[in-house]
Amino acid sequence: MSDKDMRDLIKTIVEPLVSHPEDVSLDLKETDDFHEYLLSVNSDDVGRVIGKRGRIAKAIRAIVYSIQFDGPKRVRLTIVD
């Protein structure tokens, strides 16, 4: 899966959850071991993306982490609040 496909997947999952889908942004930070995606949403929507006890965030990460990404690096998703 390419970077663009991963971005599309994350946005497809997150945008229906939030009240302000136009404020969803996704940045990529490359490290030696990870492709780290930094997800930013409107401050009103942070709770919706994280969910009670982090259940929604955990489910989103489970989907994203299960995808085979191109190359040896692993994917990490960070929700920026």
N, C-alpha and C. Protein backbone atom coordinates (compact mmCIF):
# COMPACT_ATOMS: atom_id res chain seq x y z
N MET A 1 0.85 -1.18 0.00
CA MET A 1 0.00 0.00 0.00
C MET A 1 0.89 1.23 0.00
N SER A 2 0.52 2.22 -0.77
CA SER A 2 1.32 3.44 -0.88
C SER A 2 0.88 4.47 0.15
N ASP A 3 1.65 5.55 0.23
CA ASP A 3 1.34 6.64 1.16
C ASP A 3 -0.03 7.24 0.87
N LYS A 4 -0.33 7.48 -0.40
CA LYS A 4 -1.62 8.08 -0.77
C LYS A 4 -2.78 7.16 -0.36
N ASP A 5 -2.61 5.86 -0.60
CA ASP A 5 -3.66 4.90 -0.22
C ASP A 5 -3.88 4.89 1.29
N MET A 6 -2.78 4.96 2.05
CA MET A 6 -2.89 4.96 3.52
C MET A 6 -3.60 6.23 4.00
N ARG A 7 -3.24 7.37 3.41
CA ARG A 7 -3.91 8.62 3.76
C ARG A 7 -5.41 8.53 3.47
N ASP A 8 -5.75 8.01 2.30
CA ASP A 8 -7.16 7.87 1.93
C ASP A 8 -7.90 6.96 2.89
N LEU A 9 -7.26 5.86 3.28
CA LEU A 9 -7.88 4.92 4.22
C LEU A 9 -8.16 5.60 5.56
N ILE A 10 -7.17 6.29 6.10
CA ILE A 10 -7.33 6.95 7.40
C ILE A 10 -8.42 8.01 7.33
N LYS A 11 -8.41 8.82 6.27
CA LYS A 11 -9.44 9.87 6.14
C LYS A 11 -10.83 9.26 5.94
N THR A 12 -10.91 8.16 5.21
CA THR A 12 -12.20 7.50 5.00
C THR A 12 -12.78 6.99 6.32
N ILE A 13 -11.91 6.54 7.21
CA ILE A 13 -12.37 6.05 8.52
C ILE A 13 -12.73 7.21 9.44
N VAL A 14 -11.93 8.27 9.46
CA VAL A 14 -12.07 9.33 10.45
C VAL A 14 -13.15 10.35 10.09
N GLU A 15 -13.24 10.75 8.83
CA GLU A 15 -14.14 11.84 8.46
C GLU A 15 -15.61 11.61 8.84
N PRO A 16 -16.16 10.40 8.71
CA PRO A 16 -17.56 10.21 9.14
C PRO A 16 -17.75 10.31 10.66
N LEU A 17 -16.68 10.18 11.43
CA LEU A 17 -16.79 10.23 12.89
C LEU A 17 -16.87 11.65 13.44
N VAL A 18 -16.38 12.63 12.68
CA VAL A 18 -16.22 13.98 13.22
C VAL A 18 -17.29 14.94 12.73
N SER A 19 -17.48 16.03 13.46
CA SER A 19 -18.45 17.05 13.08
C SER A 19 -17.87 18.05 12.09
N HIS A 20 -16.54 18.16 12.07
CA HIS A 20 -15.86 19.12 11.19
C HIS A 20 -14.87 18.37 10.29
N PRO A 21 -15.37 17.63 9.28
CA PRO A 21 -14.46 16.85 8.43
C PRO A 21 -13.48 17.71 7.64
N GLU A 22 -13.82 18.98 7.43
CA GLU A 22 -12.91 19.86 6.70
C GLU A 22 -11.64 20.18 7.50
N ASP A 23 -11.67 19.95 8.81
CA ASP A 23 -10.51 20.22 9.67
C ASP A 23 -9.60 19.01 9.87
N VAL A 24 -9.95 17.88 9.25
CA VAL A 24 -9.11 16.68 9.37
C VAL A 24 -7.86 16.88 8.52
N SER A 25 -6.69 16.76 9.16
CA SER A 25 -5.44 16.85 8.40
C SER A 25 -4.52 15.72 8.82
N LEU A 26 -3.70 15.31 7.91
CA LEU A 26 -2.83 14.16 8.12
C LEU A 26 -1.44 14.51 7.60
N ASP A 27 -0.47 14.47 8.50
CA ASP A 27 0.92 14.73 8.13
C ASP A 27 1.72 13.45 8.30
N LEU A 28 2.77 13.33 7.52
CA LEU A 28 3.62 12.15 7.59
C LEU A 28 4.99 12.55 8.11
N LYS A 29 5.45 11.85 9.14
CA LYS A 29 6.80 12.06 9.68
C LYS A 29 7.55 10.75 9.54
N GLU A 30 8.63 10.78 8.78
CA GLU A 30 9.43 9.58 8.54
C GLU A 30 10.51 9.44 9.61
N THR A 31 10.63 8.26 10.18
CA THR A 31 11.74 7.95 11.08
C THR A 31 12.45 6.72 10.51
N ASP A 32 13.49 6.27 11.18
CA ASP A 32 14.22 5.09 10.69
C ASP A 32 13.35 3.84 10.69
N ASP A 33 12.43 3.74 11.65
CA ASP A 33 11.63 2.52 11.81
C ASP A 33 10.17 2.66 11.40
N PHE A 34 9.67 3.89 11.33
CA PHE A 34 8.23 4.08 11.15
C PHE A 34 7.89 5.11 10.08
N HIS A 35 6.70 4.91 9.49
CA HIS A 35 5.98 5.95 8.77
C HIS A 35 4.97 6.43 9.80
N GLU A 36 5.20 7.59 10.40
CA GLU A 36 4.31 8.06 11.47
C GLU A 36 3.33 9.08 10.91
N TYR A 37 2.05 8.72 10.94
CA TYR A 37 1.00 9.62 10.48
C TYR A 37 0.48 10.39 11.67
N LEU A 38 0.48 11.71 11.55
CA LEU A 38 0.01 12.60 12.62
C LEU A 38 -1.37 13.11 12.22
N LEU A 39 -2.38 12.64 12.93
CA LEU A 39 -3.77 12.99 12.63
C LEU A 39 -4.19 14.16 13.50
N SER A 40 -4.65 15.23 12.84
CA SER A 40 -5.18 16.39 13.56
C SER A 40 -6.64 16.57 13.19
N VAL A 41 -7.45 16.82 14.21
CA VAL A 41 -8.87 17.10 13.98
C VAL A 41 -9.23 18.35 14.77
N ASN A 42 -10.41 18.88 14.52
CA ASN A 42 -10.91 20.02 15.27
C ASN A 42 -10.94 19.67 16.76
N SER A 43 -10.67 20.66 17.61
CA SER A 43 -10.62 20.39 19.05
C SER A 43 -11.94 19.84 19.59
N ASP A 44 -13.06 20.17 18.95
CA ASP A 44 -14.36 19.63 19.37
C ASP A 44 -14.48 18.13 19.06
N ASP A 45 -13.69 17.64 18.11
CA ASP A 45 -13.83 16.27 17.63
C ASP A 45 -12.81 15.30 18.20
N VAL A 46 -11.86 15.77 19.00
CA VAL A 46 -10.81 14.88 19.52
C VAL A 46 -11.43 13.74 20.32
N GLY A 47 -12.41 14.03 21.15
CA GLY A 47 -13.07 13.00 21.94
C GLY A 47 -13.79 11.97 21.10
N ARG A 48 -14.35 12.40 19.97
CA ARG A 48 -15.04 11.47 19.08
C ARG A 48 -14.07 10.50 18.42
N VAL A 49 -12.88 10.97 18.10
CA VAL A 49 -11.90 10.12 17.43
C VAL A 49 -11.24 9.17 18.43
N ILE A 50 -11.05 9.63 19.66
CA ILE A 50 -10.43 8.77 20.67
C ILE A 50 -11.45 7.79 21.26
N GLY A 51 -12.63 8.27 21.56
CA GLY A 51 -13.68 7.41 22.08
C GLY A 51 -13.51 7.13 23.56
N LYS A 52 -14.51 6.50 24.15
CA LYS A 52 -14.45 6.16 25.57
C LYS A 52 -13.35 5.14 25.80
N ARG A 53 -12.48 5.47 26.74
CA ARG A 53 -11.33 4.62 27.08
C ARG A 53 -10.44 4.31 25.87
N GLY A 54 -10.50 5.17 24.85
CA GLY A 54 -9.63 5.00 23.69
C GLY A 54 -10.04 3.89 22.75
N ARG A 55 -11.28 3.43 22.86
CA ARG A 55 -11.72 2.29 22.05
C ARG A 55 -11.74 2.59 20.55
N ILE A 56 -12.22 3.77 20.17
CA ILE A 56 -12.28 4.09 18.74
C ILE A 56 -10.87 4.26 18.18
N ALA A 57 -10.01 4.96 18.91
CA ALA A 57 -8.62 5.12 18.47
C ALA A 57 -7.94 3.77 18.33
N LYS A 58 -8.20 2.88 19.27
CA LYS A 58 -7.60 1.55 19.23
C LYS A 58 -8.10 0.77 18.01
N ALA A 59 -9.37 0.90 17.68
CA ALA A 59 -9.93 0.21 16.51
C ALA A 59 -9.36 0.77 15.22
N ILE A 60 -9.23 2.10 15.14
CA ILE A 60 -8.64 2.72 13.94
C ILE A 60 -7.21 2.23 13.78
N ARG A 61 -6.45 2.23 14.87
CA ARG A 61 -5.06 1.78 14.79
C ARG A 61 -4.97 0.31 14.40
N ALA A 62 -5.87 -0.52 14.89
CA ALA A 62 -5.86 -1.94 14.53
C ALA A 62 -6.02 -2.13 13.02
N ILE A 63 -6.91 -1.35 12.43
CA ILE A 63 -7.11 -1.43 10.97
C ILE A 63 -5.87 -0.95 10.24
N VAL A 64 -5.37 0.21 10.64
CA VAL A 64 -4.21 0.80 9.95
C VAL A 64 -2.98 -0.09 10.10
N TYR A 65 -2.75 -0.63 11.28
CA TYR A 65 -1.56 -1.44 11.52
C TYR A 65 -1.63 -2.80 10.82
N SER A 66 -2.83 -3.25 10.48
CA SER A 66 -2.97 -4.54 9.82
C SER A 66 -2.65 -4.49 8.33
N ILE A 67 -2.56 -3.29 7.77
CA ILE A 67 -2.30 -3.13 6.34
C ILE A 67 -0.80 -3.29 6.08
N GLN A 68 -0.45 -4.04 5.05
CA GLN A 68 0.95 -4.21 4.67
C GLN A 68 1.39 -2.98 3.88
N PHE A 69 2.33 -2.23 4.45
CA PHE A 69 2.82 -1.01 3.82
C PHE A 69 4.03 -1.35 2.98
N ASP A 70 4.29 -0.56 1.94
CA ASP A 70 5.46 -0.78 1.09
C ASP A 70 6.73 -0.59 1.88
N GLY A 71 7.66 -1.53 1.80
CA GLY A 71 8.95 -1.40 2.46
C GLY A 71 8.97 -2.00 3.85
N PRO A 72 10.13 -1.94 4.49
CA PRO A 72 10.32 -2.60 5.80
C PRO A 72 9.79 -1.80 6.98
N LYS A 73 9.51 -0.52 6.79
CA LYS A 73 9.07 0.32 7.91
C LYS A 73 7.66 -0.04 8.33
N ARG A 74 7.37 0.15 9.61
CA ARG A 74 6.02 -0.07 10.14
C ARG A 74 5.28 1.26 10.16
N VAL A 75 3.97 1.18 10.28
CA VAL A 75 3.12 2.37 10.31
C VAL A 75 2.74 2.66 11.74
N ARG A 76 2.73 3.95 12.09
CA ARG A 76 2.27 4.39 13.41
C ARG A 76 1.29 5.53 13.19
N LEU A 77 0.20 5.54 13.96
CA LEU A 77 -0.80 6.60 13.87
C LEU A 77 -0.86 7.32 15.20
N THR A 78 -0.61 8.63 15.17
CA THR A 78 -0.66 9.44 16.36
C THR A 78 -1.77 10.48 16.22
N ILE A 79 -2.61 10.58 17.22
CA ILE A 79 -3.69 11.58 17.21
C ILE A 79 -3.19 12.79 17.97
N VAL A 80 -3.05 13.91 17.26
CA VAL A 80 -2.53 15.14 17.84
C VAL A 80 -3.69 15.93 18.41
N ASP A 81 -3.60 16.28 19.70
CA ASP A 81 -4.69 17.07 20.30
C ASP A 81 -4.26 18.46 20.64
